[in-house]
């Protein structure tokens, strides 16, 4: 599967990432479907997503409402995904 080279989500090396959430599950499902067709997205167990910076503009052009919780570097995202906090016992 190749991404369209004109797609703003195709080049994600060295950019910022946003941890976002959507107002409802229905909106989240539709947005996830659109994002997954165009680039990389990480779905977290708590209903939040990590998306590359251009994805936020992409979501706005498609009319999706979302809340940005924080901005992260690629190194921070990689570290967070490799070393998740332990589950409470």
PDB file of N, CA and C in Angstrom:
ATOM      1  N   UNK A   1       0.841  -1.181   0.000  1.00  0.00           N
ATOM      2  CA  UNK A   1       0.000   0.000   0.000  1.00  0.00           C
ATOM      3  C   UNK A   1       0.880   1.236   0.000  1.00  0.00           C
ATOM      4  N   UNK A   2       0.672   2.115  -0.922  1.00  0.00           N
ATOM      5  CA  UNK A   2       1.438   3.356  -0.997  1.00  0.00           C
ATOM      6  C   UNK A   2       0.528   4.535  -0.731  1.00  0.00           C
ATOM      7  N   UNK A   3       1.082   5.505  -0.034  1.00  0.00           N
ATOM      8  CA  UNK A   3       0.341   6.739   0.181  1.00  0.00           C
ATOM      9  C   UNK A   3       0.478   7.627  -1.042  1.00  0.00           C
ATOM     10  N   UNK A   4      -0.527   8.398  -1.297  1.00  0.00           N
ATOM     11  CA  UNK A   4      -0.476   9.374  -2.370  1.00  0.00           C
ATOM     12  C   UNK A   4       0.594  10.403  -2.017  1.00  0.00           C
ATOM     13  N   UNK A   5       1.601  10.635  -2.881  1.00  0.00           N
ATOM     14  CA  UNK A   5       2.672  11.574  -2.539  1.00  0.00           C
ATOM     15  C   UNK A   5       2.187  13.002  -2.300  1.00  0.00           C
ATOM     16  N   UNK A   6       1.018  13.344  -2.812  1.00  0.00           N
ATOM     17  CA  UNK A   6       0.486  14.689  -2.569  1.00  0.00           C
ATOM     18  C   UNK A   6      -0.202  14.792  -1.216  1.00  0.00           C
ATOM     19  N   UNK A   7      -0.429  13.659  -0.581  1.00  0.00           N
ATOM     20  CA  UNK A   7      -1.145  13.638   0.688  1.00  0.00           C
ATOM     21  C   UNK A   7      -0.304  14.276   1.785  1.00  0.00           C
ATOM     22  N   UNK A   8      -0.857  15.201   2.569  1.00  0.00           N
ATOM     23  CA  UNK A   8      -0.073  15.854   3.616  1.00  0.00           C
ATOM     24  C   UNK A   8       0.355  14.915   4.733  1.00  0.00           C
ATOM     25  N   UNK A   9      -0.219  13.726   4.815  1.00  0.00           N
ATOM     26  CA  UNK A   9       0.144  12.793   5.879  1.00  0.00           C
ATOM     27  C   UNK A   9       1.236  11.819   5.440  1.00  0.00           C
ATOM     28  N   UNK A  10       1.721  11.925   4.201  1.00  0.00           N
ATOM     29  CA  UNK A  10       2.666  10.951   3.674  1.00  0.00           C
ATOM     30  C   UNK A  10       4.051  11.064   4.316  1.00  0.00           C
ATOM     31  N   UNK A  11       4.510  12.263   4.645  1.00  0.00           N
ATOM     32  CA  UNK A  11       5.851  12.448   5.191  1.00  0.00           C
ATOM     33  C   UNK A  11       5.745  12.833   6.657  1.00  0.00           C
ATOM     34  N   UNK A  12       5.979  11.873   7.548  1.00  0.00           N
ATOM     35  CA  UNK A  12       5.794  12.134   8.973  1.00  0.00           C
ATOM     36  C   UNK A  12       7.102  12.137   9.750  1.00  0.00           C
ATOM     37  N   UNK A  13       8.241  12.061   9.064  1.00  0.00           N
ATOM     38  CA  UNK A  13       9.529  12.012   9.748  1.00  0.00           C
ATOM     39  C   UNK A  13       9.861  13.381  10.324  1.00  0.00           C
ATOM     40  N   UNK A  14      10.145  13.416  11.619  1.00  0.00           N
ATOM     41  CA  UNK A  14      10.602  14.641  12.269  1.00  0.00           C
ATOM     42  C   UNK A  14       9.544  15.684  12.556  1.00  0.00           C
ATOM     43  N   UNK A  15       8.284  15.349  12.483  1.00  0.00           N
ATOM     44  CA  UNK A  15       7.257  16.354  12.758  1.00  0.00           C
ATOM     45  C   UNK A  15       6.667  16.174  14.157  1.00  0.00           C
ATOM     46  N   UNK A  16       5.828  17.114  14.540  1.00  0.00           N
ATOM     47  CA  UNK A  16       5.139  17.021  15.830  1.00  0.00           C
ATOM     48  C   UNK A  16       3.922  16.125  15.690  1.00  0.00           C
ATOM     49  N   UNK A  17       3.510  15.590  16.828  1.00  0.00           N
ATOM     50  CA  UNK A  17       2.321  14.746  16.895  1.00  0.00           C
ATOM     51  C   UNK A  17       1.377  15.310  17.942  1.00  0.00           C
ATOM     52  N   UNK A  18       0.090  15.097  17.732  1.00  0.00           N
ATOM     53  CA  UNK A  18      -0.919  15.566  18.672  1.00  0.00           C
ATOM     54  C   UNK A  18      -1.658  14.375  19.271  1.00  0.00           C
ATOM     55  N   UNK A  19      -1.911  14.463  20.575  1.00  0.00           N
ATOM     56  CA  UNK A  19      -2.774  13.478  21.237  1.00  0.00           C
ATOM     57  C   UNK A  19      -4.150  14.119  21.272  1.00  0.00           C
ATOM     58  N   UNK A  20      -5.113  13.493  20.578  1.00  0.00           N
ATOM     59  CA  UNK A  20      -6.442  14.093  20.418  1.00  0.00           C
ATOM     60  C   UNK A  20      -7.534  13.119  20.837  1.00  0.00           C
ATOM     61  N   UNK A  21      -8.732  13.670  21.030  1.00  0.00           N
ATOM     62  CA  UNK A  21      -9.919  12.851  21.257  1.00  0.00           C
ATOM     63  C   UNK A  21     -11.087  13.519  20.528  1.00  0.00           C
ATOM     64  N   UNK A  22     -12.138  12.748  20.343  1.00  0.00           N
ATOM     65  CA  UNK A  22     -13.313  13.217  19.621  1.00  0.00           C
ATOM     66  C   UNK A  22     -14.501  13.276  20.576  1.00  0.00           C
ATOM     67  N   UNK A  23     -15.516  14.111  20.264  1.00  0.00           N
ATOM     68  CA  UNK A  23     -16.636  14.287  21.185  1.00  0.00           C
ATOM     69  C   UNK A  23     -17.534  13.058  21.342  1.00  0.00           C
ATOM     70  N   UNK A  24     -17.512  12.150  20.373  1.00  0.00           N
ATOM     71  CA  UNK A  24     -18.344  10.945  20.473  1.00  0.00           C
ATOM     72  C   UNK A  24     -17.661   9.782  19.770  1.00  0.00           C
ATOM     73  N   UNK A  25     -18.117   8.597  20.089  1.00  0.00           N
ATOM     74  CA  UNK A  25     -17.553   7.402  19.446  1.00  0.00           C
ATOM     75  C   UNK A  25     -17.847   7.400  17.949  1.00  0.00           C
ATOM     76  N   UNK A  26     -19.022   7.855  17.557  1.00  0.00           N
ATOM     77  CA  UNK A  26     -19.391   7.902  16.148  1.00  0.00           C
ATOM     78  C   UNK A  26     -18.430   8.792  15.355  1.00  0.00           C
ATOM     79  N   UNK A  27     -18.143   9.963  15.883  1.00  0.00           N
ATOM     80  CA  UNK A  27     -17.198  10.875  15.226  1.00  0.00           C
ATOM     81  C   UNK A  27     -15.811  10.243  15.187  1.00  0.00           C
ATOM     82  N   UNK A  28     -15.405   9.606  16.282  1.00  0.00           N
ATOM     83  CA  UNK A  28     -14.087   8.964  16.342  1.00  0.00           C
ATOM     84  C   UNK A  28     -13.951   7.868  15.293  1.00  0.00           C
ATOM     85  N   UNK A  29     -14.984   7.069  15.106  1.00  0.00           N
ATOM     86  CA  UNK A  29     -14.941   5.984  14.120  1.00  0.00           C
ATOM     87  C   UNK A  29     -14.816   6.547  12.708  1.00  0.00           C
ATOM     88  N   UNK A  30     -15.606   7.555  12.389  1.00  0.00           N
ATOM     89  CA  UNK A  30     -15.542   8.153  11.053  1.00  0.00           C
ATOM     90  C   UNK A  30     -14.190   8.823  10.806  1.00  0.00           C
ATOM     91  N   UNK A  31     -13.686   9.554  11.804  1.00  0.00           N
ATOM     92  CA  UNK A  31     -12.387  10.224  11.666  1.00  0.00           C
ATOM     93  C   UNK A  31     -11.258   9.204  11.544  1.00  0.00           C
ATOM     94  N   UNK A  32     -11.308   8.148  12.362  1.00  0.00           N
ATOM     95  CA  UNK A  32     -10.285   7.104  12.293  1.00  0.00           C
ATOM     96  C   UNK A  32     -10.239   6.482  10.906  1.00  0.00           C
ATOM     97  N   UNK A  33     -11.413   6.218  10.347  1.00  0.00           N
ATOM     98  CA  UNK A  33     -11.494   5.636   9.005  1.00  0.00           C
ATOM     99  C   UNK A  33     -10.833   6.553   7.975  1.00  0.00           C
ATOM    100  N   UNK A  34     -11.139   7.838   8.024  1.00  0.00           N
ATOM    101  CA  UNK A  34     -10.540   8.796   7.088  1.00  0.00           C
ATOM    102  C   UNK A  34      -9.031   8.891   7.275  1.00  0.00           C
ATOM    103  N   UNK A  35      -8.586   8.989   8.530  1.00  0.00           N
ATOM    104  CA  UNK A  35      -7.150   9.111   8.792  1.00  0.00           C
ATOM    105  C   UNK A  35      -6.386   7.851   8.388  1.00  0.00           C
ATOM    106  N   UNK A  36      -6.940   6.695   8.675  1.00  0.00           N
ATOM    107  CA  UNK A  36      -6.271   5.441   8.355  1.00  0.00           C
ATOM    108  C   UNK A  36      -6.113   5.265   6.841  1.00  0.00           C
ATOM    109  N   UNK A  37      -7.007   5.824   6.078  1.00  0.00           N
ATOM    110  CA  UNK A  37      -6.903   5.746   4.614  1.00  0.00           C
ATOM    111  C   UNK A  37      -5.797   6.633   4.063  1.00  0.00           C
ATOM    112  N   UNK A  38      -5.378   7.644   4.843  1.00  0.00           N
ATOM    113  CA  UNK A  38      -4.433   8.636   4.327  1.00  0.00           C
ATOM    114  C   UNK A  38      -3.094   8.675   5.045  1.00  0.00           C
ATOM    115  N   UNK A  39      -2.927   7.982   6.142  1.00  0.00           N
ATOM    116  CA  UNK A  39      -1.655   8.076   6.842  1.00  0.00           C
ATOM    117  C   UNK A  39      -1.610   7.247   8.093  1.00  0.00           C
ATOM    118  N   UNK A  40      -0.751   7.664   8.982  1.00  0.00           N
ATOM    119  CA  UNK A  40      -0.484   6.916  10.208  1.00  0.00           C
ATOM    120  C   UNK A  40      -1.277   7.506  11.368  1.00  0.00           C
ATOM    121  N   UNK A  41      -1.848   6.614  12.185  1.00  0.00           N
ATOM    122  CA  UNK A  41      -2.606   7.030  13.363  1.00  0.00           C
ATOM    123  C   UNK A  41      -2.427   5.954  14.429  1.00  0.00           C
ATOM    124  N   UNK A  42      -2.317   6.390  15.674  1.00  0.00           N
ATOM    125  CA  UNK A  42      -2.188   5.461  16.796  1.00  0.00           C
ATOM    126  C   UNK A  42      -3.451   5.588  17.639  1.00  0.00           C
ATOM    127  N   UNK A  43      -4.112   4.472  17.870  1.00  0.00           N
ATOM    128  CA  UNK A  43      -5.307   4.444  18.698  1.00  0.00           C
ATOM    129  C   UNK A  43      -4.915   3.983  20.101  1.00  0.00           C
ATOM    130  N   UNK A  44      -5.234   4.783  21.100  1.00  0.00           N
ATOM    131  CA  UNK A  44      -4.917   4.458  22.486  1.00  0.00           C
ATOM    132  C   UNK A  44      -6.128   3.827  23.167  1.00  0.00           C
ATOM    133  N   UNK A  45      -5.907   3.023  24.202  1.00  0.00           N
ATOM    134  CA  UNK A  45      -7.020   2.323  24.854  1.00  0.00           C
ATOM    135  C   UNK A  45      -8.044   3.247  25.520  1.00  0.00           C
ATOM    136  N   UNK A  46      -7.662   4.466  25.832  1.00  0.00           N
ATOM    137  CA  UNK A  46      -8.577   5.374  26.534  1.00  0.00           C
ATOM    138  C   UNK A  46      -9.436   6.221  25.588  1.00  0.00           C
ATOM    139  N   UNK A  47      -9.500   5.832  24.309  1.00  0.00           N
ATOM    140  CA  UNK A  47     -10.330   6.563  23.357  1.00  0.00           C
ATOM    141  C   UNK A  47      -9.640   7.766  22.746  1.00  0.00           C
ATOM    142  N   UNK A  48      -8.350   7.908  22.984  1.00  0.00           N
ATOM    143  CA  UNK A  48      -7.594   9.002  22.395  1.00  0.00           C
ATOM    144  C   UNK A  48      -6.742   8.473  21.252  1.00  0.00           C
ATOM    145  N   UNK A  49      -6.237   9.392  20.435  1.00  0.00           N
ATOM    146  CA  UNK A  49      -5.454   9.037  19.264  1.00  0.00           C
ATOM    147  C   UNK A  49      -4.214   9.905  19.197  1.00  0.00           C
ATOM    148  N   UNK A  50      -3.153   9.374  18.620  1.00  0.00           N
ATOM    149  CA  UNK A  50      -1.957  10.154  18.342  1.00  0.00           C
ATOM    150  C   UNK A  50      -1.859  10.262  16.828  1.00  0.00           C
ATOM    151  N   UNK A  51      -1.827  11.507  16.343  1.00  0.00           N
ATOM    152  CA  UNK A  51      -1.799  11.758  14.907  1.00  0.00           C
ATOM    153  C   UNK A  51      -0.690  12.741  14.579  1.00  0.00           C
ATOM    154  N   UNK A  52      -0.122  12.672  13.361  1.00  0.00           N
ATOM    155  CA  UNK A  52       0.873  13.657  12.957  1.00  0.00           C
ATOM    156  C   UNK A  52       0.234  15.040  12.798  1.00  0.00           C
ATOM    157  N   UNK A  53       1.051  16.062  12.931  1.00  0.00           N
ATOM    158  CA  UNK A  53       0.556  17.442  12.880  1.00  0.00           C
ATOM    159  C   UNK A  53      -0.315  17.744  11.657  1.00  0.00           C
ATOM    160  N   UNK A  54       0.055  17.322  10.438  1.00  0.00           N
ATOM    161  CA  UNK A  54      -0.816  17.617   9.291  1.00  0.00           C
ATOM    162  C   UNK A  54      -2.196  16.980   9.387  1.00  0.00           C
ATOM    163  N   UNK A  55      -2.328  15.944  10.197  1.00  0.00           N
ATOM    164  CA  UNK A  55      -3.637  15.302  10.343  1.00  0.00           C
ATOM    165  C   UNK A  55      -4.643  16.230  11.003  1.00  0.00           C
ATOM    166  N   UNK A  56      -4.176  17.134  11.848  1.00  0.00           N
ATOM    167  CA  UNK A  56      -5.111  18.072  12.483  1.00  0.00           C
ATOM    168  C   UNK A  56      -5.734  19.002  11.445  1.00  0.00           C
ATOM    169  N   UNK A  57      -4.918  19.466  10.495  1.00  0.00           N
ATOM    170  CA  UNK A  57      -5.458  20.298   9.411  1.00  0.00           C
ATOM    171  C   UNK A  57      -6.380  19.472   8.517  1.00  0.00           C
ATOM    172  N   UNK A  58      -5.993  18.225   8.267  1.00  0.00           N
ATOM    173  CA  UNK A  58      -6.806  17.316   7.462  1.00  0.00           C
ATOM    174  C   UNK A  58      -8.184  17.127   8.102  1.00  0.00           C
ATOM    175  N   UNK A  59      -8.210  16.911   9.419  1.00  0.00           N
ATOM    176  CA  UNK A  59      -9.484  16.737  10.125  1.00  0.00           C
ATOM    177  C   UNK A  59     -10.347  17.990  10.024  1.00  0.00           C
ATOM    178  N   UNK A  60      -9.715  19.154  10.123  1.00  0.00           N
ATOM    179  CA  UNK A  60     -10.470  20.404  10.024  1.00  0.00           C
ATOM    180  C   UNK A  60     -11.070  20.581   8.636  1.00  0.00           C
ATOM    181  N   UNK A  61     -10.308  20.225   7.590  1.00  0.00           N
ATOM    182  CA  UNK A  61     -10.855  20.364   6.236  1.00  0.00           C
ATOM    183  C   UNK A  61     -12.004  19.401   5.986  1.00  0.00           C
ATOM    184  N   UNK A  62     -12.026  18.284   6.691  1.00  0.00           N
ATOM    185  CA  UNK A  62     -13.103  17.300   6.562  1.00  0.00           C
ATOM    186  C   UNK A  62     -14.269  17.599   7.511  1.00  0.00           C
ATOM    187  N   UNK A  63     -14.133  18.624   8.361  1.00  0.00           N
ATOM    188  CA  UNK A  63     -15.220  19.031   9.237  1.00  0.00           C
ATOM    189  C   UNK A  63     -15.356  18.236  10.524  1.00  0.00           C
ATOM    190  N   UNK A  64     -14.297  17.532  10.942  1.00  0.00           N
ATOM    191  CA  UNK A  64     -14.336  16.768  12.193  1.00  0.00           C
ATOM    192  C   UNK A  64     -13.975  17.657  13.371  1.00  0.00           C
ATOM    193  N   UNK A  65     -14.726  17.515  14.461  1.00  0.00           N
ATOM    194  CA  UNK A  65     -14.451  18.231  15.694  1.00  0.00           C
ATOM    195  C   UNK A  65     -13.618  17.328  16.592  1.00  0.00           C
ATOM    196  N   UNK A  66     -12.557  17.889  17.170  1.00  0.00           N
ATOM    197  CA  UNK A  66     -11.698  17.115  18.067  1.00  0.00           C
ATOM    198  C   UNK A  66     -11.097  18.049  19.109  1.00  0.00           C
ATOM    199  N   UNK A  67     -10.564  17.463  20.163  1.00  0.00           N
ATOM    200  CA  UNK A  67      -9.896  18.225  21.214  1.00  0.00           C
ATOM    201  C   UNK A  67      -8.432  17.803  21.249  1.00  0.00           C
ATOM    202  N   UNK A  68      -7.523  18.774  21.227  1.00  0.00           N
ATOM    203  CA  UNK A  68      -6.092  18.495  21.328  1.00  0.00           C
ATOM    204  C   UNK A  68      -5.704  18.511  22.800  1.00  0.00           C
ATOM    205  N   UNK A  69      -5.102  17.420  23.274  1.00  0.00           N
ATOM    206  CA  UNK A  69      -4.690  17.317  24.672  1.00  0.00           C
ATOM    207  C   UNK A  69      -3.246  17.741  24.873  1.00  0.00           C
ATOM    208  N   UNK A  70      -2.363  17.375  23.929  1.00  0.00           N
ATOM    209  CA  UNK A  70      -0.965  17.800  24.015  1.00  0.00           C
ATOM    210  C   UNK A  70      -0.278  17.594  22.683  1.00  0.00           C
ATOM    211  N   UNK A  71       0.826  18.334  22.491  1.00  0.00           N
ATOM    212  CA  UNK A  71       1.688  18.179  21.330  1.00  0.00           C
ATOM    213  C   UNK A  71       2.936  17.443  21.773  1.00  0.00           C
ATOM    214  N   UNK A  72       3.428  16.526  20.931  1.00  0.00           N
ATOM    215  CA  UNK A  72       4.575  15.699  21.291  1.00  0.00           C
ATOM    216  C   UNK A  72       5.543  15.602  20.118  1.00  0.00           C
ATOM    217  N   UNK A  73       6.809  15.346  20.438  1.00  0.00           N
ATOM    218  CA  UNK A  73       7.796  15.073  19.391  1.00  0.00           C
ATOM    219  C   UNK A  73       7.718  13.599  19.020  1.00  0.00           C
ATOM    220  N   UNK A  74       8.309  13.241  17.897  1.00  0.00           N
ATOM    221  CA  UNK A  74       8.310  11.842  17.466  1.00  0.00           C
ATOM    222  C   UNK A  74       9.041  10.959  18.475  1.00  0.00           C
ATOM    223  N   UNK A  75      10.133  11.482  19.053  1.00  0.00           N
ATOM    224  CA  UNK A  75      10.893  10.716  20.047  1.00  0.00           C
ATOM    225  C   UNK A  75      10.035  10.426  21.276  1.00  0.00           C
ATOM    226  N   UNK A  76       9.244  11.406  21.715  1.00  0.00           N
ATOM    227  CA  UNK A  76       8.380  11.226  22.885  1.00  0.00           C
ATOM    228  C   UNK A  76       7.299  10.178  22.594  1.00  0.00           C
ATOM    229  N   UNK A  77       6.722  10.225  21.402  1.00  0.00           N
ATOM    230  CA  UNK A  77       5.688   9.259  21.022  1.00  0.00           C
ATOM    231  C   UNK A  77       6.276   7.852  21.017  1.00  0.00           C
ATOM    232  N   UNK A  78       7.447   7.700  20.405  1.00  0.00           N
ATOM    233  CA  UNK A  78       8.093   6.386  20.347  1.00  0.00           C
ATOM    234  C   UNK A  78       8.376   5.850  21.734  1.00  0.00           C
ATOM    235  N   UNK A  79       8.911   6.690  22.610  1.00  0.00           N
ATOM    236  CA  UNK A  79       9.218   6.275  23.979  1.00  0.00           C
ATOM    237  C   UNK A  79       7.940   5.908  24.740  1.00  0.00           C
ATOM    238  N   UNK A  80       6.904   6.690  24.566  1.00  0.00           N
ATOM    239  CA  UNK A  80       5.650   6.423  25.271  1.00  0.00           C
ATOM    240  C   UNK A  80       5.024   5.100  24.818  1.00  0.00           C
ATOM    241  N   UNK A  81       5.125   4.793  23.540  1.00  0.00           N
ATOM    242  CA  UNK A  81       4.541   3.554  23.035  1.00  0.00           C
ATOM    243  C   UNK A  81       5.376   2.332  23.380  1.00  0.00           C
ATOM    244  N   UNK A  82       6.667   2.503  23.505  1.00  0.00           N
ATOM    245  CA  UNK A  82       7.531   1.371  23.859  1.00  0.00           C
ATOM    246  C   UNK A  82       7.506   1.049  25.347  1.00  0.00           C
ATOM    247  N   UNK A  83       7.299   2.054  26.187  1.00  0.00           N
ATOM    248  CA  UNK A  83       7.334   1.875  27.628  1.00  0.00           C
ATOM    249  C   UNK A  83       6.021   2.316  28.268  1.00  0.00           C
ATOM    250  N   UNK A  84       4.942   1.593  28.027  1.00  0.00           N
ATOM    251  CA  UNK A  84       3.669   2.001  28.624  1.00  0.00           C
ATOM    252  C   UNK A  84       3.710   1.832  30.148  1.00  0.00           C
ATOM    253  N   UNK A  85       2.951   2.647  30.818  1.00  0.00           N
ATOM    254  CA  UNK A  85       2.852   2.541  32.274  1.00  0.00           C
ATOM    255  C   UNK A  85       2.236   1.198  32.630  1.00  0.00           C
ATOM    256  N   UNK A  86       2.652   0.621  33.734  1.00  0.00           N
ATOM    257  CA  UNK A  86       2.066  -0.670  34.118  1.00  0.00           C
ATOM    258  C   UNK A  86       0.589  -0.525  34.460  1.00  0.00           C
ATOM    259  N   UNK A  87      -0.142  -1.582  34.209  1.00  0.00           N
ATOM    260  CA  UNK A  87      -1.565  -1.588  34.545  1.00  0.00           C
ATOM    261  C   UNK A  87      -1.741  -1.671  36.059  1.00  0.00           C
ATOM    262  N   UNK A  88      -2.740  -0.971  36.614  1.00  0.00           N
ATOM    263  CA  UNK A  88      -2.973  -1.079  38.057  1.00  0.00           C
ATOM    264  C   UNK A  88      -3.395  -2.504  38.426  1.00  0.00           C
ATOM    265  N   UNK A  89      -2.980  -2.930  39.573  1.00  0.00           N
ATOM    266  CA  UNK A  89      -3.291  -4.300  40.015  1.00  0.00           C
ATOM    267  C   UNK A  89      -4.569  -4.308  40.821  1.00  0.00           C
TER     268      UNK A  89
END
